[in-house]
């Protein structure tokens, strides 16, 4: 597994599923061209691109490059972006009845070795924080972000402070917190007493 320290942006659900066998880290889907209309997701991506940075991984067809170029422009000049490119390989994904318009495999159709090589070629082989330094669901519970009567309001406030979309699931929020903050920053943001454990 390649451990990445910043979120990876992919086009869709099957790309995210495929990537989970290759990398350890946060993977965010654009929903293809829907990203152009999703202001909340774009705002969250801008915040991440300016702080932790983002890794962009799209298909090697024309649509993939249009999404990649859109993101580059929409995220602004301050964005810290790393582009990972897959090779143009002819073929068809197993779940599809016919090949894509250009007859190329997308991220979901790439084998693990090819994906690993693409990340390494782009210089992505960061070590994630050690497991004991990572936030857990227990930390969310202790901070009142899950399991309390006002948890939803607390999560919305935290998302607003971090410039993230307000309707994130607890799992996605946890993944992003482990990417965007340290446990100490989390304690400060949630007014939780230090000394977890």
N, C-alpha and C. Protein backbone atom coordinates (compact mmCIF):
# COMPACT_ATOMS: atom_id res chain seq x y z
N UNK A 1 0.83 -1.20 0.00
CA UNK A 1 0.00 0.00 0.00
C UNK A 1 0.87 1.25 0.00
N UNK A 2 0.46 2.24 -0.79
CA UNK A 2 1.11 3.54 -0.77
C UNK A 2 0.33 4.43 0.18
N UNK A 3 0.99 4.98 1.17
CA UNK A 3 0.32 5.86 2.12
C UNK A 3 0.45 7.30 1.63
N UNK A 4 -0.65 7.96 1.45
CA UNK A 4 -0.63 9.34 0.96
C UNK A 4 -1.11 10.29 2.05
N UNK A 5 -0.47 11.44 2.12
CA UNK A 5 -0.78 12.39 3.17
C UNK A 5 -1.76 13.46 2.77
N UNK A 6 -2.24 13.44 1.54
CA UNK A 6 -3.26 14.41 1.13
C UNK A 6 -4.33 13.69 0.31
N UNK A 7 -5.53 14.25 0.24
CA UNK A 7 -6.62 13.57 -0.47
C UNK A 7 -6.34 13.37 -1.96
N UNK A 8 -6.87 12.28 -2.48
CA UNK A 8 -6.78 11.97 -3.90
C UNK A 8 -8.16 12.20 -4.51
N UNK A 9 -8.22 12.95 -5.59
CA UNK A 9 -9.49 13.25 -6.26
C UNK A 9 -9.60 12.39 -7.51
N UNK A 10 -10.69 11.62 -7.59
CA UNK A 10 -10.94 10.75 -8.74
C UNK A 10 -12.32 11.08 -9.32
N UNK A 11 -12.61 10.52 -10.48
CA UNK A 11 -13.88 10.85 -11.14
C UNK A 11 -15.10 10.20 -10.50
N UNK A 12 -15.03 8.92 -10.15
CA UNK A 12 -16.24 8.26 -9.70
C UNK A 12 -16.04 7.17 -8.68
N UNK A 13 -17.15 6.55 -8.33
CA UNK A 13 -17.20 5.53 -7.27
C UNK A 13 -16.32 4.33 -7.57
N UNK A 14 -16.35 3.84 -8.80
CA UNK A 14 -15.56 2.64 -9.13
C UNK A 14 -14.06 2.95 -9.13
N UNK A 15 -13.70 4.20 -9.45
CA UNK A 15 -12.30 4.60 -9.34
C UNK A 15 -11.87 4.57 -7.88
N UNK A 16 -12.73 5.09 -7.00
CA UNK A 16 -12.42 5.11 -5.56
C UNK A 16 -12.26 3.68 -5.03
N UNK A 17 -13.17 2.80 -5.44
CA UNK A 17 -13.10 1.40 -4.99
C UNK A 17 -11.79 0.76 -5.47
N UNK A 18 -11.43 1.00 -6.73
CA UNK A 18 -10.19 0.42 -7.28
C UNK A 18 -8.98 0.92 -6.53
N UNK A 19 -8.97 2.20 -6.21
CA UNK A 19 -7.82 2.82 -5.56
C UNK A 19 -7.63 2.32 -4.14
N UNK A 20 -8.72 1.86 -3.51
CA UNK A 20 -8.62 1.43 -2.11
C UNK A 20 -7.70 0.22 -1.94
N UNK A 21 -7.41 -0.50 -3.02
CA UNK A 21 -6.49 -1.64 -2.93
C UNK A 21 -5.04 -1.22 -3.15
N UNK A 22 -4.83 0.06 -3.48
CA UNK A 22 -3.48 0.52 -3.81
C UNK A 22 -2.96 1.56 -2.81
N UNK A 23 -3.84 2.45 -2.37
CA UNK A 23 -3.39 3.50 -1.48
C UNK A 23 -4.12 3.47 -0.14
N UNK A 24 -3.47 4.03 0.85
CA UNK A 24 -4.09 4.23 2.15
C UNK A 24 -4.22 5.74 2.31
N UNK A 25 -5.44 6.24 2.31
CA UNK A 25 -5.66 7.67 2.41
C UNK A 25 -7.08 8.03 2.02
N UNK A 26 -7.35 9.31 1.98
CA UNK A 26 -8.68 9.82 1.65
C UNK A 26 -8.83 9.92 0.14
N UNK A 27 -9.93 9.37 -0.39
CA UNK A 27 -10.22 9.46 -1.82
C UNK A 27 -11.57 10.15 -1.98
N UNK A 28 -11.62 11.20 -2.80
CA UNK A 28 -12.83 12.00 -3.00
C UNK A 28 -13.27 11.89 -4.45
N UNK A 29 -14.56 11.63 -4.65
CA UNK A 29 -15.12 11.51 -6.01
C UNK A 29 -15.66 12.86 -6.48
N UNK A 30 -15.45 13.17 -7.76
CA UNK A 30 -16.02 14.39 -8.33
C UNK A 30 -17.42 14.15 -8.87
N UNK A 31 -17.78 12.89 -9.09
CA UNK A 31 -19.07 12.61 -9.75
C UNK A 31 -18.99 12.98 -11.22
N UNK A 32 -17.80 12.84 -11.80
CA UNK A 32 -17.61 13.22 -13.21
C UNK A 32 -17.77 14.71 -13.39
N UNK A 33 -18.55 15.10 -14.40
CA UNK A 33 -18.73 16.53 -14.70
C UNK A 33 -19.68 17.23 -13.73
N UNK A 34 -20.30 16.47 -12.82
CA UNK A 34 -21.16 17.10 -11.81
C UNK A 34 -20.38 18.06 -10.92
N UNK A 35 -19.07 17.87 -10.86
CA UNK A 35 -18.24 18.75 -10.03
C UNK A 35 -18.41 20.22 -10.43
N UNK A 36 -18.73 20.45 -11.69
CA UNK A 36 -18.89 21.84 -12.16
C UNK A 36 -20.03 22.57 -11.46
N UNK A 37 -21.04 21.80 -10.98
CA UNK A 37 -22.21 22.42 -10.34
C UNK A 37 -22.21 22.25 -8.82
N UNK A 38 -21.27 21.51 -8.28
CA UNK A 38 -21.26 21.21 -6.85
C UNK A 38 -20.41 22.24 -6.10
N UNK A 39 -21.04 23.36 -5.72
CA UNK A 39 -20.31 24.45 -5.08
C UNK A 39 -19.71 24.05 -3.74
N UNK A 40 -20.44 23.22 -2.99
CA UNK A 40 -19.94 22.81 -1.67
C UNK A 40 -18.68 21.97 -1.81
N UNK A 41 -18.71 21.01 -2.72
CA UNK A 41 -17.54 20.16 -2.90
C UNK A 41 -16.36 20.98 -3.43
N UNK A 42 -16.62 21.89 -4.36
CA UNK A 42 -15.55 22.75 -4.87
C UNK A 42 -14.93 23.59 -3.76
N UNK A 43 -15.77 24.12 -2.86
CA UNK A 43 -15.25 24.91 -1.73
C UNK A 43 -14.37 24.05 -0.84
N UNK A 44 -14.80 22.82 -0.58
CA UNK A 44 -14.01 21.91 0.25
C UNK A 44 -12.69 21.57 -0.44
N UNK A 45 -12.75 21.31 -1.75
CA UNK A 45 -11.52 21.00 -2.49
C UNK A 45 -10.57 22.18 -2.49
N UNK A 46 -11.10 23.41 -2.62
CA UNK A 46 -10.25 24.60 -2.56
C UNK A 46 -9.53 24.70 -1.22
N UNK A 47 -10.27 24.46 -0.14
CA UNK A 47 -9.68 24.52 1.20
C UNK A 47 -8.57 23.48 1.35
N UNK A 48 -8.84 22.28 0.88
CA UNK A 48 -7.83 21.22 0.99
C UNK A 48 -6.64 21.50 0.09
N UNK A 49 -6.91 22.01 -1.12
CA UNK A 49 -5.81 22.30 -2.06
C UNK A 49 -4.89 23.38 -1.53
N UNK A 50 -5.44 24.31 -0.76
CA UNK A 50 -4.62 25.40 -0.21
C UNK A 50 -3.89 24.99 1.06
N UNK A 51 -4.35 23.94 1.74
CA UNK A 51 -3.71 23.54 2.99
C UNK A 51 -2.87 22.28 2.80
N UNK A 52 -3.50 21.14 2.70
CA UNK A 52 -2.76 19.88 2.57
C UNK A 52 -2.29 19.61 1.15
N UNK A 53 -2.99 20.20 0.18
CA UNK A 53 -2.75 19.87 -1.22
C UNK A 53 -3.67 18.73 -1.64
N UNK A 54 -3.76 18.52 -2.95
CA UNK A 54 -4.60 17.46 -3.51
C UNK A 54 -3.82 16.71 -4.57
N UNK A 55 -4.16 15.45 -4.72
CA UNK A 55 -3.63 14.63 -5.81
C UNK A 55 -4.79 14.43 -6.78
N UNK A 56 -4.56 14.76 -8.05
CA UNK A 56 -5.60 14.61 -9.08
C UNK A 56 -5.29 13.38 -9.92
N UNK A 57 -6.25 12.46 -9.99
CA UNK A 57 -6.09 11.24 -10.78
C UNK A 57 -7.37 11.02 -11.58
N UNK A 58 -7.31 11.28 -12.87
CA UNK A 58 -8.47 11.06 -13.74
C UNK A 58 -8.11 10.08 -14.84
N UNK A 59 -9.12 9.65 -15.58
CA UNK A 59 -8.88 8.74 -16.71
C UNK A 59 -8.01 9.43 -17.75
N UNK A 60 -7.43 8.63 -18.64
CA UNK A 60 -6.54 9.19 -19.66
C UNK A 60 -7.27 9.58 -20.94
N UNK A 61 -8.61 9.55 -20.92
CA UNK A 61 -9.36 9.95 -22.11
C UNK A 61 -9.64 11.46 -22.09
N UNK A 62 -10.27 11.97 -23.14
CA UNK A 62 -10.53 13.41 -23.26
C UNK A 62 -11.37 13.93 -22.09
N UNK A 63 -12.38 13.17 -21.68
CA UNK A 63 -13.23 13.61 -20.57
C UNK A 63 -12.41 13.73 -19.29
N UNK A 64 -11.54 12.78 -19.03
CA UNK A 64 -10.67 12.83 -17.85
C UNK A 64 -9.80 14.06 -17.84
N UNK A 65 -9.27 14.42 -19.01
CA UNK A 65 -8.42 15.61 -19.09
C UNK A 65 -9.24 16.89 -18.95
N UNK A 66 -10.48 16.89 -19.43
CA UNK A 66 -11.34 18.07 -19.24
C UNK A 66 -11.62 18.29 -17.75
N UNK A 67 -11.90 17.20 -17.03
CA UNK A 67 -12.15 17.32 -15.59
C UNK A 67 -10.89 17.80 -14.88
N UNK A 68 -9.76 17.24 -15.25
CA UNK A 68 -8.47 17.63 -14.65
C UNK A 68 -8.21 19.13 -14.87
N UNK A 69 -8.42 19.61 -16.11
CA UNK A 69 -8.17 21.03 -16.43
C UNK A 69 -9.19 21.94 -15.74
N UNK A 70 -10.44 21.48 -15.65
CA UNK A 70 -11.45 22.26 -14.93
C UNK A 70 -11.02 22.45 -13.48
N UNK A 71 -10.61 21.35 -12.83
CA UNK A 71 -10.20 21.43 -11.42
C UNK A 71 -9.01 22.36 -11.26
N UNK A 72 -8.05 22.26 -12.14
CA UNK A 72 -6.87 23.12 -12.05
C UNK A 72 -7.27 24.59 -12.07
N UNK A 73 -8.19 24.96 -12.95
CA UNK A 73 -8.64 26.35 -13.03
C UNK A 73 -9.54 26.73 -11.87
N UNK A 74 -10.45 25.84 -11.49
CA UNK A 74 -11.43 26.15 -10.43
C UNK A 74 -10.81 26.24 -9.05
N UNK A 75 -9.71 25.52 -8.83
CA UNK A 75 -9.10 25.50 -7.50
C UNK A 75 -8.16 26.68 -7.27
N UNK A 76 -7.83 27.40 -8.32
CA UNK A 76 -7.07 28.64 -8.17
C UNK A 76 -5.56 28.46 -8.17
N UNK A 77 -4.86 29.59 -8.32
CA UNK A 77 -3.39 29.55 -8.45
C UNK A 77 -2.68 29.13 -7.16
N UNK A 78 -3.34 29.27 -6.00
CA UNK A 78 -2.70 28.90 -4.73
C UNK A 78 -2.77 27.40 -4.46
N UNK A 79 -3.53 26.69 -5.27
CA UNK A 79 -3.75 25.26 -5.04
C UNK A 79 -2.44 24.49 -5.18
N UNK A 80 -2.21 23.61 -4.21
CA UNK A 80 -1.06 22.70 -4.27
C UNK A 80 -1.57 21.39 -4.86
N UNK A 81 -1.29 21.20 -6.14
CA UNK A 81 -1.80 20.02 -6.84
C UNK A 81 -0.67 19.12 -7.30
N UNK A 82 -0.89 17.82 -7.16
CA UNK A 82 0.02 16.83 -7.74
C UNK A 82 -0.82 16.04 -8.73
N UNK A 83 -0.35 15.95 -9.95
CA UNK A 83 -1.08 15.23 -10.99
C UNK A 83 -0.48 13.84 -11.17
N UNK A 84 -1.33 12.83 -11.04
CA UNK A 84 -0.94 11.45 -11.29
C UNK A 84 -1.63 11.03 -12.58
N UNK A 85 -0.85 10.49 -13.50
CA UNK A 85 -1.38 10.10 -14.82
C UNK A 85 -1.28 8.60 -15.01
N UNK A 86 -2.37 8.01 -15.53
CA UNK A 86 -2.34 6.60 -15.90
C UNK A 86 -2.07 6.52 -17.41
N UNK A 87 -1.50 5.42 -17.87
CA UNK A 87 -1.25 5.29 -19.31
C UNK A 87 -2.53 5.07 -20.10
N UNK A 88 -2.48 5.37 -21.38
CA UNK A 88 -3.62 5.12 -22.27
C UNK A 88 -3.54 3.65 -22.71
N UNK A 89 -4.38 2.82 -22.10
CA UNK A 89 -4.39 1.38 -22.38
C UNK A 89 -5.72 1.02 -23.01
N UNK A 90 -5.67 0.39 -24.16
CA UNK A 90 -6.91 -0.02 -24.84
C UNK A 90 -7.57 -1.15 -24.04
N UNK A 91 -8.89 -1.09 -23.98
CA UNK A 91 -9.61 -2.15 -23.28
C UNK A 91 -10.97 -1.71 -22.81
N UNK A 92 -11.62 -2.60 -22.04
CA UNK A 92 -12.97 -2.37 -21.53
C UNK A 92 -13.03 -2.86 -20.09
N UNK A 93 -13.65 -2.05 -19.22
CA UNK A 93 -13.82 -2.48 -17.84
C UNK A 93 -14.78 -3.66 -17.78
N UNK A 94 -14.55 -4.57 -16.84
CA UNK A 94 -15.36 -5.78 -16.73
C UNK A 94 -16.85 -5.50 -16.52
N UNK A 95 -17.18 -4.47 -15.74
CA UNK A 95 -18.59 -4.22 -15.41
C UNK A 95 -19.35 -3.57 -16.56
N UNK A 96 -18.66 -3.12 -17.59
CA UNK A 96 -19.31 -2.41 -18.70
C UNK A 96 -19.59 -3.36 -19.87
N UNK A 97 -20.70 -3.09 -20.55
CA UNK A 97 -21.07 -3.92 -21.70
C UNK A 97 -20.22 -3.60 -22.93
N UNK A 98 -19.78 -2.33 -23.03
CA UNK A 98 -19.01 -1.91 -24.20
C UNK A 98 -17.86 -1.02 -23.74
N UNK A 99 -16.82 -0.90 -24.55
CA UNK A 99 -15.72 -0.01 -24.19
C UNK A 99 -16.17 1.45 -24.17
N UNK A 100 -15.37 2.30 -23.56
CA UNK A 100 -15.67 3.74 -23.55
C UNK A 100 -15.60 4.28 -24.97
N UNK A 101 -16.00 5.52 -25.16
CA UNK A 101 -16.01 6.14 -26.50
C UNK A 101 -14.64 6.07 -27.15
N UNK A 102 -13.58 6.21 -26.36
CA UNK A 102 -12.23 6.18 -26.92
C UNK A 102 -11.59 4.80 -26.83
N UNK A 103 -12.30 3.84 -26.23
CA UNK A 103 -11.79 2.48 -26.14
C UNK A 103 -10.63 2.32 -25.16
N UNK A 104 -10.56 3.20 -24.15
CA UNK A 104 -9.45 3.15 -23.19
C UNK A 104 -9.94 2.73 -21.81
N UNK A 105 -9.08 2.02 -21.10
CA UNK A 105 -9.37 1.69 -19.71
C UNK A 105 -9.26 2.94 -18.87
N UNK A 106 -10.15 3.06 -17.88
CA UNK A 106 -10.06 4.17 -16.94
C UNK A 106 -9.32 3.73 -15.69
N UNK A 107 -9.34 4.57 -14.68
CA UNK A 107 -8.68 4.25 -13.41
C UNK A 107 -9.19 2.92 -12.88
N UNK A 108 -10.51 2.70 -12.95
CA UNK A 108 -11.08 1.47 -12.40
C UNK A 108 -10.59 0.22 -13.12
N UNK A 109 -10.12 0.35 -14.36
CA UNK A 109 -9.65 -0.80 -15.13
C UNK A 109 -8.17 -1.07 -15.03
N UNK A 110 -7.43 -0.19 -14.37
CA UNK A 110 -5.98 -0.36 -14.24
C UNK A 110 -5.65 -1.42 -13.20
N UNK A 111 -4.58 -2.19 -13.46
CA UNK A 111 -4.16 -3.15 -12.46
C UNK A 111 -3.38 -2.44 -11.36
N UNK A 112 -3.23 -3.11 -10.23
CA UNK A 112 -2.59 -2.49 -9.06
C UNK A 112 -1.17 -2.02 -9.35
N UNK A 113 -0.41 -2.84 -10.08
CA UNK A 113 0.98 -2.49 -10.36
C UNK A 113 1.07 -1.20 -11.18
N UNK A 114 0.19 -1.03 -12.16
CA UNK A 114 0.18 0.17 -12.99
C UNK A 114 -0.19 1.40 -12.16
N UNK A 115 -1.19 1.26 -11.29
CA UNK A 115 -1.58 2.38 -10.44
C UNK A 115 -0.46 2.74 -9.48
N UNK A 116 0.15 1.74 -8.86
CA UNK A 116 1.26 1.98 -7.93
C UNK A 116 2.39 2.73 -8.65
N UNK A 117 2.71 2.26 -9.84
CA UNK A 117 3.78 2.89 -10.62
C UNK A 117 3.44 4.34 -10.97
N UNK A 118 2.17 4.61 -11.30
CA UNK A 118 1.74 5.98 -11.63
C UNK A 118 1.94 6.91 -10.43
N UNK A 119 1.60 6.45 -9.23
CA UNK A 119 1.79 7.26 -8.02
C UNK A 119 3.27 7.49 -7.75
N UNK A 120 4.06 6.44 -7.85
CA UNK A 120 5.49 6.57 -7.58
C UNK A 120 6.16 7.48 -8.61
N UNK A 121 5.74 7.37 -9.87
CA UNK A 121 6.30 8.22 -10.94
C UNK A 121 6.01 9.69 -10.68
N UNK A 122 4.86 9.97 -10.04
CA UNK A 122 4.49 11.35 -9.71
C UNK A 122 5.14 11.83 -8.42
N UNK A 123 5.92 10.95 -7.79
CA UNK A 123 6.59 11.32 -6.56
C UNK A 123 5.73 11.19 -5.32
N UNK A 124 4.65 10.41 -5.41
CA UNK A 124 3.75 10.24 -4.28
C UNK A 124 4.05 8.92 -3.59
N UNK A 125 4.64 9.02 -2.44
CA UNK A 125 4.89 7.85 -1.60
C UNK A 125 5.10 8.35 -0.18
N UNK A 126 4.19 9.20 0.27
CA UNK A 126 4.30 9.82 1.58
C UNK A 126 3.91 8.82 2.65
N UNK A 127 4.46 9.00 3.82
CA UNK A 127 4.06 8.20 4.97
C UNK A 127 2.92 8.90 5.69
N UNK A 128 1.91 8.17 6.02
CA UNK A 128 0.80 8.74 6.79
C UNK A 128 1.23 8.89 8.25
N UNK A 129 0.45 9.65 9.00
CA UNK A 129 0.73 9.80 10.42
C UNK A 129 0.67 8.44 11.09
N UNK A 130 1.49 8.22 12.12
CA UNK A 130 1.42 6.93 12.81
C UNK A 130 0.01 6.71 13.37
N UNK A 131 -0.44 5.45 13.42
CA UNK A 131 -1.81 5.16 13.84
C UNK A 131 -2.20 5.79 15.18
N UNK A 132 -1.28 5.84 16.15
CA UNK A 132 -1.65 6.38 17.46
C UNK A 132 -1.86 7.88 17.42
N UNK A 133 -1.42 8.57 16.37
CA UNK A 133 -1.61 10.02 16.27
C UNK A 133 -2.88 10.37 15.49
N UNK A 134 -3.59 9.35 15.02
CA UNK A 134 -4.78 9.60 14.22
C UNK A 134 -6.02 9.68 15.09
N UNK A 135 -6.96 10.51 14.66
CA UNK A 135 -8.25 10.63 15.35
C UNK A 135 -9.09 9.39 15.04
N UNK A 136 -9.99 9.04 15.96
CA UNK A 136 -10.86 7.88 15.77
C UNK A 136 -12.31 8.30 16.02
N UNK A 137 -13.24 7.37 15.80
CA UNK A 137 -14.65 7.64 16.08
C UNK A 137 -14.85 7.96 17.56
N UNK A 138 -14.03 7.38 18.41
CA UNK A 138 -14.11 7.68 19.84
C UNK A 138 -13.82 9.15 20.10
N UNK A 139 -12.89 9.73 19.35
CA UNK A 139 -12.59 11.16 19.50
C UNK A 139 -13.79 12.00 19.07
N UNK A 140 -14.46 11.59 17.98
CA UNK A 140 -15.66 12.32 17.54
C UNK A 140 -16.74 12.24 18.62
N UNK A 141 -16.88 11.07 19.22
CA UNK A 141 -17.88 10.89 20.28
C UNK A 141 -17.55 11.77 21.49
N UNK A 142 -16.29 11.73 21.90
CA UNK A 142 -15.84 12.50 23.06
C UNK A 142 -16.03 14.00 22.85
N UNK A 143 -15.89 14.45 21.60
CA UNK A 143 -16.06 15.87 21.28
C UNK A 143 -17.53 16.24 21.02
N UNK A 144 -18.42 15.25 21.12
CA UNK A 144 -19.84 15.52 20.92
C UNK A 144 -20.24 15.64 19.46
N UNK A 145 -19.39 15.15 18.55
CA UNK A 145 -19.69 15.24 17.12
C UNK A 145 -20.55 14.07 16.64
N UNK A 146 -20.59 13.01 17.41
CA UNK A 146 -21.52 11.89 17.15
C UNK A 146 -22.08 11.43 18.49
N UNK A 147 -23.28 10.90 18.50
CA UNK A 147 -23.87 10.31 19.68
C UNK A 147 -24.46 11.26 20.70
N UNK A 148 -24.53 12.53 20.40
CA UNK A 148 -25.12 13.51 21.33
C UNK A 148 -26.32 14.17 20.66
N UNK A 149 -27.24 14.73 21.45
CA UNK A 149 -28.44 15.36 20.85
C UNK A 149 -28.11 16.49 19.88
N UNK A 150 -27.02 17.22 20.13
CA UNK A 150 -26.67 18.35 19.25
C UNK A 150 -25.48 18.04 18.33
N UNK A 151 -25.22 16.73 18.10
CA UNK A 151 -24.07 16.33 17.26
C UNK A 151 -24.10 16.94 15.86
N UNK A 152 -25.27 16.93 15.23
CA UNK A 152 -25.37 17.46 13.86
C UNK A 152 -24.98 18.93 13.82
N UNK A 153 -25.46 19.71 14.79
CA UNK A 153 -25.12 21.14 14.84
C UNK A 153 -23.63 21.33 15.10
N UNK A 154 -23.06 20.50 15.96
CA UNK A 154 -21.61 20.60 16.24
C UNK A 154 -20.79 20.26 14.99
N UNK A 155 -21.22 19.21 14.27
CA UNK A 155 -20.50 18.85 13.03
C UNK A 155 -20.59 19.97 12.01
N UNK A 156 -21.78 20.59 11.88
CA UNK A 156 -21.93 21.70 10.94
C UNK A 156 -21.00 22.85 11.31
N UNK A 157 -20.91 23.18 12.59
CA UNK A 157 -20.02 24.26 13.04
C UNK A 157 -18.56 23.95 12.73
N UNK A 158 -18.17 22.71 12.99
CA UNK A 158 -16.79 22.31 12.72
C UNK A 158 -16.51 22.36 11.22
N UNK A 159 -17.44 21.87 10.41
CA UNK A 159 -17.28 21.91 8.95
C UNK A 159 -17.17 23.35 8.48
N UNK A 160 -17.96 24.24 9.04
CA UNK A 160 -17.90 25.65 8.67
C UNK A 160 -16.53 26.24 9.01
N UNK A 161 -16.01 25.91 10.18
CA UNK A 161 -14.70 26.41 10.60
C UNK A 161 -13.59 25.91 9.68
N UNK A 162 -13.76 24.69 9.16
CA UNK A 162 -12.75 24.11 8.27
C UNK A 162 -13.05 24.34 6.79
N UNK A 163 -14.14 25.08 6.51
CA UNK A 163 -14.57 25.35 5.13
C UNK A 163 -14.82 24.06 4.36
N UNK A 164 -15.59 23.16 5.01
CA UNK A 164 -15.97 21.89 4.40
C UNK A 164 -17.48 21.87 4.20
N UNK A 165 -17.98 21.00 3.30
CA UNK A 165 -19.43 20.90 3.13
C UNK A 165 -20.09 20.48 4.44
N UNK A 166 -21.26 21.03 4.77
CA UNK A 166 -21.89 20.76 6.07
C UNK A 166 -22.50 19.37 6.22
N UNK A 167 -22.75 18.65 5.14
CA UNK A 167 -23.46 17.38 5.24
C UNK A 167 -22.55 16.16 5.07
N UNK A 168 -21.35 16.22 5.60
CA UNK A 168 -20.44 15.09 5.49
C UNK A 168 -20.85 13.98 6.45
N UNK A 169 -20.68 12.74 6.02
CA UNK A 169 -20.92 11.62 6.94
C UNK A 169 -19.83 11.64 8.00
N UNK A 170 -20.08 10.96 9.12
CA UNK A 170 -19.08 10.91 10.20
C UNK A 170 -17.78 10.28 9.69
N UNK A 171 -17.88 9.24 8.85
CA UNK A 171 -16.67 8.57 8.34
C UNK A 171 -15.86 9.51 7.45
N UNK A 172 -16.54 10.21 6.54
CA UNK A 172 -15.84 11.15 5.66
C UNK A 172 -15.23 12.29 6.46
N UNK A 173 -15.99 12.80 7.43
CA UNK A 173 -15.47 13.86 8.28
C UNK A 173 -14.22 13.39 9.00
N UNK A 174 -14.24 12.17 9.53
CA UNK A 174 -13.08 11.64 10.24
C UNK A 174 -11.88 11.53 9.30
N UNK A 175 -12.09 11.02 8.08
CA UNK A 175 -11.00 10.93 7.10
C UNK A 175 -10.41 12.31 6.82
N UNK A 176 -11.28 13.30 6.62
CA UNK A 176 -10.79 14.65 6.31
C UNK A 176 -10.11 15.29 7.51
N UNK A 177 -10.63 15.06 8.72
CA UNK A 177 -9.98 15.60 9.91
C UNK A 177 -8.56 15.04 10.05
N UNK A 178 -8.39 13.76 9.74
CA UNK A 178 -7.06 13.15 9.83
C UNK A 178 -6.13 13.67 8.75
N UNK A 179 -6.69 14.24 7.70
CA UNK A 179 -5.88 14.82 6.64
C UNK A 179 -5.61 16.29 6.88
N UNK A 180 -6.61 17.02 7.37
CA UNK A 180 -6.52 18.48 7.47
C UNK A 180 -6.03 19.00 8.81
N UNK A 181 -6.13 18.20 9.87
CA UNK A 181 -5.78 18.70 11.20
C UNK A 181 -4.89 17.71 11.94
N UNK A 182 -4.29 18.21 12.99
CA UNK A 182 -3.58 17.34 13.94
C UNK A 182 -4.52 17.11 15.11
N UNK A 183 -4.25 16.12 15.96
CA UNK A 183 -5.11 15.94 17.14
C UNK A 183 -5.16 17.20 18.01
N UNK A 184 -4.06 17.93 18.09
CA UNK A 184 -4.03 19.16 18.88
C UNK A 184 -4.95 20.22 18.28
N UNK A 185 -4.92 20.38 16.96
CA UNK A 185 -5.82 21.34 16.30
C UNK A 185 -7.27 20.93 16.48
N UNK A 186 -7.53 19.63 16.41
CA UNK A 186 -8.88 19.12 16.63
C UNK A 186 -9.37 19.47 18.04
N UNK A 187 -8.50 19.27 19.03
CA UNK A 187 -8.85 19.62 20.41
C UNK A 187 -9.19 21.11 20.52
N UNK A 188 -8.40 21.95 19.86
CA UNK A 188 -8.64 23.40 19.90
C UNK A 188 -9.94 23.76 19.19
N UNK A 189 -10.18 23.18 18.02
CA UNK A 189 -11.38 23.49 17.25
C UNK A 189 -12.66 23.04 17.95
N UNK A 190 -12.58 21.95 18.69
CA UNK A 190 -13.78 21.41 19.34
C UNK A 190 -13.84 21.79 20.82
N UNK A 191 -12.88 22.60 21.28
CA UNK A 191 -12.81 23.02 22.68
C UNK A 191 -12.76 21.81 23.61
N UNK A 192 -12.09 20.77 23.11
CA UNK A 192 -11.96 19.54 23.90
C UNK A 192 -10.66 19.61 24.69
N UNK A 193 -10.66 19.08 25.88
CA UNK A 193 -9.44 19.10 26.69
C UNK A 193 -8.39 18.21 26.06
N UNK A 194 -7.12 18.68 26.01
CA UNK A 194 -6.05 17.81 25.50
C UNK A 194 -5.85 16.60 26.41
N UNK A 195 -5.05 15.68 25.95
CA UNK A 195 -4.76 14.50 26.76
C UNK A 195 -5.64 13.34 26.39
N UNK A 196 -5.79 13.11 25.06
CA UNK A 196 -6.57 11.97 24.60
C UNK A 196 -5.87 10.67 25.02
N UNK A 197 -6.68 9.60 25.02
CA UNK A 197 -6.04 8.33 25.22
C UNK A 197 -6.59 7.50 26.27
